[in-house]
Amino acid sequence: MQLVIEYPALLPDVLQQTQSEFEQEARMAMAVKLFEMKRLSSGMAAKLARIGRVEFLLNLHRYGVPMIDLAEGELLSDVQNA
């Protein structure tokens, strides 16, 4: 499926990006936010961003989003069950 978003023609220039770079960053930002909100898995978010899952996870820090967002109890449980 396809989502079309209108934006001002000068927006990529203002951000010092090419049109392609801006559109990729917009896809990534949307994917990261949906992942952060726990609406998408990392795999689905990576597909939305059109990159591999590992690359997606490794780039989360650029958006201030942790790779793993577990409460302390959940993390301890996971470690004990590993």
Foldseek 3Di string as FASTA:
>chain_A
DDDDDDDDPCVCVVVVHDPVVVVLVVQLVVLLVCVQVVNDPLCVSCVSSVHHSVVSLVCSVVVPGHSDDDDPVVVVVVVVVD
